[in-house]
Each structure stands twice: as structure tokens, then as C-alpha cells.
Amino acid sequence: MRTRVIVTLLTSLFVHAADACSFPSALQGTWTSSNYGTFTIGSSYLYMTKSIISGTTGTNFTCILNTGNFYIVESMQAFVPFTGATTYYRAYICFDMRAVTSYSYYYYQQSDKETGFNNERIVGLANGTTVTSTSQVCKTTVDVSEYHTLVKSGAGYSALVTCPDVMLGNYNYKYTDATGSYCTNTTVMDVCSNKSVITFNYTQCSQRIAYSASRREPHVATCQFYQKCLLHEAVRMD
């Protein structure tokens, strides 16, 4: 699959009779995802507001296989990958879910990048394929830094965790992107006043950092691996 999927749906193919697995009660509810918008998770389904299939609004999935932290979900929609194709496919995602608190998770997508899904870590399999093993979808182990976050809707700052020791303190920073460099090396980032929040001094430099207009980037999920601190982008809380 090398082409962006152009969806063609048939009503008779919309629901696939797969053996469902169950999400634990702790994962059920509404969440904010750092890469797929809003998740609504039920006992055996997951809906995301981001559409990964052209021509659809959001994407519905059924949980079809669970082993430990791994949850494989299958799109309820069947689609043809490009105009003129006669074979229908379904999208599969391998979620490797890790709890941080009762209100926050981080997860990996343990599949290879697929050009047909804009280089998302999503697998396309022919409609009717029976998935009996996680290895059919979970085909790789991504770098430990390549994770995404989930924050329970309405949780607010209950989802926070303490930043790792190596981050605690006040730091000077300079912001650089493709258009140039902003701020100066005297601009302060504070991870000391509140050990769960990264605060940028926008009085010293007004360049927006990360997501939050309030200058405070809540620390939702961290990962320490062989003494190296790896941070994912903050999920906006304000």
C-alpha cells in the first residue's frame, strides 16, 4: 500500500465479525490523545476523532486481540486503498498501553510506518483476514522515546506526575525552528517552583513553546531509560 487511501465503503462491509477483546475499566471513558484527538473507549470499541481513512469523520475500531499491555484494534470500516482497486482492506493499530496514573497513560504503536496512511504506524490487511497473533500487527519495537500520551477528560492536574530528578531546576533556553532562532540564552524555563509543571517565561520571550498559552506545560508522562530522560510533548491542560 503506497498510496493515500481513498475510501469506498459498502454497507455490507461496515461491520466485521471479529472476536472482540475487552478494554479494562480503567481505560474506558473519554481521553485526550497527543496524536489522534479525542478517544472514546468502551468495553470493546475505540473511537478516535482523527480520521485515518479518507472520506470519513473520525475512525471507529473494534478491539480484537489483547495480550498483556498490547491491544490490537481493527477498523469497523472496510475500504479500497485507491481508485480502481477491487480488494477491500481494514486498518489495524497495535497499541502498547502503559499506565502512569489513574488519569494518564502513555502508549506506543508497535508497527512499521505505512506510506498509505501518511507514514502512520498503522497496518492495512485484506478484509476477512483473521488476526490470531499480535505478531501479525505488532511487527516492530519502536524507540523508547516514540510514545504518545492519553489524559482522562476532566482529570485536569490529577493526571500529573513529578518530573524526573535530572529535569528539576531552572534552565536557560533558545528556541530554533526552520524560520530562525528566537529568545536568548538568558530566557528561563522553570522546572523547580512546581515539580510537575514546566513553566516558560513569556515575559522574557513571547515565542510560544509547546501548546499552552498559560506558559505552563503540565508534565503528563515521562520515561527514564538507562539514565537518559526522554520527554513527550505536553498535552494541553488549560
Protein backbone atom coordinates (compact mmCIF):
# COMPACT_ATOMS: atom_id res chain seq x y z
CA MET A 1 0.00 0.00 0.00
CA ARG A 2 1.85 3.07 -1.24
CA THR A 3 -0.97 5.48 -1.93
CA ARG A 4 -3.05 7.60 0.45
CA VAL A 5 -6.21 5.62 0.96
CA ILE A 6 -9.29 6.83 -0.90
CA VAL A 7 -12.26 5.36 0.87
CA THR A 8 -15.09 3.47 -0.75
CA LEU A 9 -17.44 1.87 1.75
CA LEU A 10 -20.06 -0.80 1.30
CA THR A 11 -22.78 -1.07 3.93
CA SER A 12 -22.46 -4.83 3.99
CA LEU A 13 -18.77 -4.50 4.84
CA PHE A 14 -19.09 -1.87 7.56
CA VAL A 15 -19.24 -4.27 10.48
CA HIS A 16 -16.75 -7.10 10.59
CA ALA A 17 -17.49 -10.15 12.67
CA ALA A 18 -14.26 -10.38 14.64
CA ASP A 19 -13.69 -11.91 18.01
CA ALA A 20 -13.73 -8.95 20.38
CA CYS A 21 -11.42 -8.37 23.30
CA SER A 22 -12.17 -6.11 26.23
CA PHE A 23 -10.53 -2.91 27.40
CA PRO A 24 -10.10 -2.76 31.19
CA SER A 25 -12.48 -0.48 33.06
CA ALA A 26 -9.55 1.82 33.88
CA LEU A 27 -9.15 2.59 30.17
CA GLN A 28 -12.81 3.11 29.41
CA GLY A 29 -14.10 6.66 29.05
CA THR A 30 -13.08 9.79 27.16
CA TRP A 31 -9.43 10.75 26.76
CA THR A 32 -7.31 13.37 25.04
CA SER A 33 -4.64 11.78 22.86
CA SER A 34 -1.49 13.62 21.86
CA ASN A 35 -1.65 12.33 18.27
CA TYR A 36 -5.21 11.22 17.46
CA GLY A 37 -7.50 13.82 19.02
CA THR A 38 -10.19 12.54 21.38
CA PHE A 39 -10.52 8.85 22.23
CA THR A 40 -13.81 7.37 23.37
CA ILE A 41 -13.16 3.88 24.69
CA GLY A 42 -15.86 1.36 25.56
CA SER A 43 -15.65 -2.23 26.69
CA SER A 44 -14.69 -3.49 23.23
CA TYR A 45 -14.53 -0.45 20.94
CA LEU A 46 -12.41 2.66 20.43
CA TYR A 47 -13.45 5.79 18.55
CA MET A 48 -10.94 8.50 17.64
CA THR A 49 -11.87 11.91 16.28
CA LYS A 50 -8.97 11.85 13.82
CA SER A 51 -9.88 10.17 10.55
CA ILE A 52 -7.25 7.83 9.17
CA ILE A 53 -9.46 6.75 6.25
CA SER A 54 -10.22 9.37 3.61
CA GLY A 55 -13.81 10.48 3.35
CA THR A 56 -14.77 9.57 6.92
CA THR A 57 -15.32 11.67 10.03
CA GLY A 58 -13.35 10.07 12.82
CA THR A 59 -12.48 6.39 12.90
CA ASN A 60 -14.23 3.53 14.70
CA PHE A 61 -12.31 0.47 15.84
CA THR A 62 -13.12 -2.83 17.49
CA CYS A 63 -10.70 -4.41 19.95
CA ILE A 64 -9.95 -7.85 18.54
CA LEU A 65 -6.92 -9.11 20.48
CA ASN A 66 -5.29 -8.38 23.83
CA THR A 67 -2.07 -9.79 25.25
CA GLY A 68 -0.67 -8.05 28.32
CA ASN A 69 -0.22 -4.35 27.51
CA PHE A 70 -0.89 -4.94 23.82
CA TYR A 71 -4.30 -4.14 22.33
CA ILE A 72 -4.94 -4.70 18.63
CA VAL A 73 -7.84 -2.75 17.18
CA GLU A 74 -9.45 -3.21 13.78
CA SER A 75 -11.31 -0.52 11.83
CA MET A 76 -15.03 -1.12 11.55
CA GLN A 77 -14.88 0.38 8.07
CA ALA A 78 -13.57 -1.57 5.11
CA PHE A 79 -12.05 0.49 2.30
CA VAL A 80 -10.32 0.24 -1.05
CA PRO A 81 -6.80 1.70 -0.97
CA PHE A 82 -7.04 3.51 -4.31
CA THR A 83 -9.48 4.16 -7.12
CA GLY A 84 -9.99 1.09 -9.27
CA ALA A 85 -8.85 -1.39 -6.67
CA THR A 86 -11.10 -4.38 -6.09
CA THR A 87 -9.69 -5.65 -2.79
CA TYR A 88 -11.04 -4.18 0.42
CA TYR A 89 -8.81 -3.58 3.43
CA ARG A 90 -9.16 -2.76 7.10
CA ALA A 91 -6.83 -0.67 9.26
CA TYR A 92 -5.18 -2.18 12.34
CA ILE A 93 -3.30 -0.48 15.16
CA CYS A 94 -1.14 -2.17 17.78
CA PHE A 95 -1.42 -0.13 20.97
CA ASP A 96 1.12 -0.85 23.70
CA MET A 97 -0.57 0.85 26.68
CA ARG A 98 1.30 1.87 29.85
CA ALA A 99 -0.44 3.39 32.89
CA VAL A 100 1.16 6.41 34.58
CA THR A 101 -1.65 7.34 36.97
CA SER A 102 -5.38 6.59 37.09
CA TYR A 103 -5.83 9.61 34.82
CA SER A 104 -2.92 9.32 32.42
CA TYR A 105 -1.34 6.72 30.14
CA TYR A 106 1.36 6.68 27.54
CA TYR A 107 1.38 4.31 24.60
CA TYR A 108 3.49 3.07 21.72
CA GLN A 109 2.29 1.97 18.30
CA GLN A 110 4.37 -1.12 17.64
CA SER A 111 4.02 -1.38 13.86
CA ASP A 112 6.09 -0.22 10.91
CA LYS A 113 5.27 3.11 9.28
CA GLU A 114 2.88 2.76 6.34
CA THR A 115 3.03 5.23 3.43
CA GLY A 116 -0.61 4.50 2.62
CA PHE A 117 -1.54 6.01 5.98
CA ASN A 118 0.73 9.07 5.71
CA ASN A 119 3.56 7.20 7.45
CA GLU A 120 1.43 6.44 10.49
CA ARG A 121 2.25 3.22 12.36
CA ILE A 122 -0.88 1.50 11.07
CA VAL A 123 -1.23 -1.82 9.26
CA GLY A 124 -3.60 -2.48 6.35
CA LEU A 125 -4.78 -6.08 5.93
CA ALA A 126 -7.17 -7.52 3.36
CA ASN A 127 -10.78 -7.60 4.51
CA GLY A 128 -11.59 -11.00 6.02
CA THR A 129 -8.10 -11.55 7.44
CA THR A 130 -8.24 -13.37 10.76
CA VAL A 131 -5.82 -11.92 13.29
CA THR A 132 -4.89 -14.59 15.83
CA SER A 133 -1.48 -13.33 16.94
CA THR A 134 -0.13 -9.94 17.96
CA SER A 135 2.83 -10.56 15.62
CA GLN A 136 0.53 -10.04 12.61
CA VAL A 137 0.16 -6.35 13.53
CA CYS A 138 2.79 -5.64 16.20
CA LYS A 139 5.73 -6.05 13.85
CA THR A 140 8.37 -3.83 15.40
CA THR A 141 9.60 -2.34 18.67
CA VAL A 142 9.77 1.44 18.34
CA ASP A 143 12.34 3.61 20.07
CA VAL A 144 11.56 4.22 23.73
CA SER A 145 11.21 7.95 23.03
CA GLU A 146 8.46 7.48 20.41
CA TYR A 147 5.44 7.44 22.67
CA HIS A 148 2.14 9.30 22.88
CA THR A 149 0.04 10.35 25.84
CA LEU A 150 -3.56 9.90 26.99
CA VAL A 151 -5.14 12.16 29.60
CA LYS A 152 -8.58 11.41 31.04
CA SER A 153 -11.11 14.09 30.18
CA GLY A 154 -11.90 16.24 33.18
CA ALA A 155 -8.91 14.97 35.12
CA GLY A 156 -7.07 18.28 34.96
CA TYR A 157 -3.94 18.34 37.07
CA SER A 158 -4.78 14.99 38.68
CA ALA A 159 -3.04 13.45 35.66
CA LEU A 160 0.32 14.98 36.51
CA VAL A 161 3.42 13.16 37.66
CA THR A 162 6.63 14.53 39.12
CA CYS A 163 9.32 15.36 36.58
CA PRO A 164 12.43 13.16 36.88
CA ASP A 165 15.27 14.45 39.06
CA VAL A 166 17.50 15.18 36.08
CA MET A 167 14.99 17.80 34.90
CA LEU A 168 14.37 19.63 38.15
CA GLY A 169 15.81 23.15 38.22
CA ASN A 170 15.84 26.42 36.28
CA TYR A 171 17.28 26.36 32.77
CA ASN A 172 18.14 28.86 30.06
CA TYR A 173 16.92 28.05 26.57
CA LYS A 174 16.89 29.31 22.99
CA TYR A 175 14.12 28.34 20.55
CA THR A 176 15.09 27.48 16.96
CA ASP A 177 12.90 26.35 14.07
CA ALA A 178 13.04 26.40 10.27
CA THR A 179 12.45 30.16 10.17
CA GLY A 180 15.21 31.10 12.59
CA SER A 181 16.17 31.40 16.27
CA TYR A 182 14.08 33.10 18.93
CA CYS A 183 14.60 34.01 22.58
CA THR A 184 18.07 34.24 24.05
CA ASN A 185 20.20 32.01 26.21
CA THR A 186 19.06 34.07 29.21
CA THR A 187 15.38 33.06 28.78
CA VAL A 188 14.31 30.90 31.73
CA MET A 189 12.45 27.59 31.86
CA ASP A 190 11.38 26.77 35.42
CA VAL A 191 11.01 23.13 36.50
CA CYS A 192 11.62 23.91 40.15
CA SER A 193 8.74 26.01 41.50
CA ASN A 194 6.32 23.22 40.64
CA LYS A 195 7.99 19.85 40.11
CA SER A 196 5.14 18.60 37.92
CA VAL A 197 4.96 21.62 35.60
CA ILE A 198 7.41 23.14 33.11
CA THR A 199 6.99 26.94 33.14
CA PHE A 200 8.33 29.16 30.35
CA ASN A 201 8.91 32.87 31.00
CA TYR A 202 7.00 34.54 28.15
CA THR A 203 7.78 37.97 29.55
CA GLN A 204 11.40 37.36 28.66
CA CYS A 205 10.46 35.84 25.29
CA SER A 206 6.96 35.70 23.82
CA GLN A 207 7.67 32.84 21.40
CA ARG A 208 5.11 30.09 22.07
CA ILE A 209 6.70 26.88 23.32
CA ALA A 210 4.75 23.61 23.06
CA TYR A 211 0.95 24.04 23.37
CA SER A 212 -0.17 26.04 26.34
CA ALA A 213 -0.99 29.76 26.23
CA SER A 214 -0.65 29.93 30.02
CA ARG A 215 3.14 29.36 29.85
CA ARG A 216 2.77 26.21 31.93
CA GLU A 217 3.33 22.83 30.32
CA PRO A 218 1.98 20.06 32.60
CA HIS A 219 4.20 17.04 32.75
CA VAL A 220 1.91 14.12 31.96
CA ALA A 221 4.22 11.27 31.09
CA THR A 222 7.95 10.69 31.32
CA CYS A 223 10.22 7.81 30.61
CA GLN A 224 13.68 7.22 32.03
CA PHE A 225 15.76 4.67 30.14
CA TYR A 226 19.38 3.92 31.01
CA GLN A 227 19.67 7.26 32.80
CA LYS A 228 18.51 9.20 29.73
CA CYS A 229 15.44 11.37 30.28
CA LEU A 230 13.02 11.19 27.38
CA LEU A 231 10.02 13.50 27.26
CA HIS A 232 7.00 13.52 25.01
CA GLU A 233 5.22 16.72 24.04
CA ALA A 234 2.98 18.02 26.80
CA VAL A 235 -0.77 17.57 26.50
CA ARG A 236 -2.53 20.89 26.85
CA MET A 237 -4.38 21.13 30.15
CA ASP A 238 -5.63 24.74 30.24
